[in-house]
């Protein structure tokens, strides 16, 4: 998964290019939340949109599409 900074014209890779899907922005716009498959199971992660840190596991296996809404709920 990559993010493109329009102002700087720079594209940054945020994940290892595995099998990520159902990506959404956090309500604050500072993180991307996504599902990824590993070891034959789905996991939900969050990663800073600026690439400052690696992904953080949010939910354990089987957690497809567990994302925040625009109001943070």
C-alpha atoms as a PDB file:
ATOM      1  CA  UNK A   1       0.000   0.000   0.000  1.00  0.00           C
ATOM      2  CA  UNK A   2       1.353   3.415  -0.953  1.00  0.00           C
ATOM      3  CA  UNK A   3       0.403   7.021  -0.221  1.00  0.00           C
ATOM      4  CA  UNK A   4       1.118   9.855  -2.639  1.00  0.00           C
ATOM      5  CA  UNK A   5       1.888  13.347  -1.273  1.00  0.00           C
ATOM      6  CA  UNK A   6       0.480  15.654  -3.936  1.00  0.00           C
ATOM      7  CA  UNK A   7       2.258  18.779  -2.640  1.00  0.00           C
ATOM      8  CA  UNK A   8       5.723  17.188  -2.689  1.00  0.00           C
ATOM      9  CA  UNK A   9       5.089  14.793  -5.581  1.00  0.00           C
ATOM     10  CA  UNK A  10       6.421  11.862  -3.528  1.00  0.00           C
ATOM     11  CA  UNK A  11       4.982   8.347  -3.206  1.00  0.00           C
ATOM     12  CA  UNK A  12       5.753   6.386  -0.028  1.00  0.00           C
ATOM     13  CA  UNK A  13       5.226   2.664   0.520  1.00  0.00           C
ATOM     14  CA  UNK A  14       3.557   1.952   3.882  1.00  0.00           C
ATOM     15  CA  UNK A  15       3.334  -1.838   3.728  1.00  0.00           C
ATOM     16  CA  UNK A  16       5.409  -4.653   2.308  1.00  0.00           C
ATOM     17  CA  UNK A  17       3.150  -5.072  -0.701  1.00  0.00           C
ATOM     18  CA  UNK A  18       1.447  -8.172   0.638  1.00  0.00           C
ATOM     19  CA  UNK A  19      -2.255  -8.840   0.508  1.00  0.00           C
ATOM     20  CA  UNK A  20      -3.897  -5.716   1.960  1.00  0.00           C
ATOM     21  CA  UNK A  21      -7.446  -4.612   1.215  1.00  0.00           C
ATOM     22  CA  UNK A  22     -10.426  -2.626   2.622  1.00  0.00           C
ATOM     23  CA  UNK A  23      -8.224   0.376   3.335  1.00  0.00           C
ATOM     24  CA  UNK A  24      -9.782   3.414   5.022  1.00  0.00           C
ATOM     25  CA  UNK A  25      -8.530   6.613   6.638  1.00  0.00           C
ATOM     26  CA  UNK A  26      -8.828   7.182  10.377  1.00  0.00           C
ATOM     27  CA  UNK A  27     -11.225  10.016  11.338  1.00  0.00           C
ATOM     28  CA  UNK A  28      -8.243  12.300  12.105  1.00  0.00           C
ATOM     29  CA  UNK A  29      -6.632  11.466   8.746  1.00  0.00           C
ATOM     30  CA  UNK A  30      -3.333  10.488  10.361  1.00  0.00           C
ATOM     31  CA  UNK A  31      -3.592   6.683   9.943  1.00  0.00           C
ATOM     32  CA  UNK A  32      -4.661   4.119   7.403  1.00  0.00           C
ATOM     33  CA  UNK A  33      -6.642   1.144   8.673  1.00  0.00           C
ATOM     34  CA  UNK A  34      -6.624  -1.998   6.572  1.00  0.00           C
ATOM     35  CA  UNK A  35      -7.059  -5.738   6.528  1.00  0.00           C
ATOM     36  CA  UNK A  36      -4.203  -8.050   5.595  1.00  0.00           C
ATOM     37  CA  UNK A  37      -3.953 -11.787   5.143  1.00  0.00           C
ATOM     38  CA  UNK A  38      -1.165 -13.725   6.853  1.00  0.00           C
ATOM     39  CA  UNK A  39      -0.886 -17.376   7.805  1.00  0.00           C
ATOM     40  CA  UNK A  40      -4.285 -18.044   6.141  1.00  0.00           C
ATOM     41  CA  UNK A  41      -6.129 -15.572   8.395  1.00  0.00           C
ATOM     42  CA  UNK A  42      -7.242 -11.949   8.147  1.00  0.00           C
ATOM     43  CA  UNK A  43      -5.856  -9.328  10.559  1.00  0.00           C
ATOM     44  CA  UNK A  44      -6.740  -5.621  10.917  1.00  0.00           C
ATOM     45  CA  UNK A  45      -3.879  -3.118  11.178  1.00  0.00           C
ATOM     46  CA  UNK A  46      -3.362   0.633  11.470  1.00  0.00           C
ATOM     47  CA  UNK A  47      -0.291   2.394  10.134  1.00  0.00           C
ATOM     48  CA  UNK A  48       0.690   6.088  10.280  1.00  0.00           C
ATOM     49  CA  UNK A  49      -0.061   7.808   6.974  1.00  0.00           C
ATOM     50  CA  UNK A  50       3.332   9.535   7.120  1.00  0.00           C
ATOM     51  CA  UNK A  51       5.218   6.222   7.360  1.00  0.00           C
ATOM     52  CA  UNK A  52       6.875   7.235  10.637  1.00  0.00           C
ATOM     53  CA  UNK A  53       6.272   3.798  12.209  1.00  0.00           C
ATOM     54  CA  UNK A  54       5.353   0.332  11.109  1.00  0.00           C
ATOM     55  CA  UNK A  55       1.869  -1.200  11.235  1.00  0.00           C
ATOM     56  CA  UNK A  56       0.157  -1.813  14.571  1.00  0.00           C
ATOM     57  CA  UNK A  57      -2.154  -4.821  14.995  1.00  0.00           C
ATOM     58  CA  UNK A  58      -5.665  -3.656  15.928  1.00  0.00           C
ATOM     59  CA  UNK A  59      -7.705  -6.855  15.787  1.00  0.00           C
ATOM     60  CA  UNK A  60      -6.861 -10.546  15.803  1.00  0.00           C
ATOM     61  CA  UNK A  61      -7.638 -13.089  13.055  1.00  0.00           C
ATOM     62  CA  UNK A  62     -11.031 -12.986  11.374  1.00  0.00           C
ATOM     63  CA  UNK A  63     -11.499  -9.236  11.805  1.00  0.00           C
ATOM     64  CA  UNK A  64     -12.381  -8.238   8.250  1.00  0.00           C
ATOM     65  CA  UNK A  65     -13.674  -4.686   7.701  1.00  0.00           C
ATOM     66  CA  UNK A  66     -13.450  -3.427  11.273  1.00  0.00           C
ATOM     67  CA  UNK A  67     -12.933   0.248  10.442  1.00  0.00           C
ATOM     68  CA  UNK A  68     -13.686   3.629  11.984  1.00  0.00           C
ATOM     69  CA  UNK A  69     -16.476   5.810  10.682  1.00  0.00           C
ATOM     70  CA  UNK A  70     -16.042   9.488   9.841  1.00  0.00           C
ATOM     71  CA  UNK A  71     -17.195  10.475  13.345  1.00  0.00           C
ATOM     72  CA  UNK A  72     -14.742   8.089  15.037  1.00  0.00           C
ATOM     73  CA  UNK A  73     -17.271   5.515  16.213  1.00  0.00           C
END
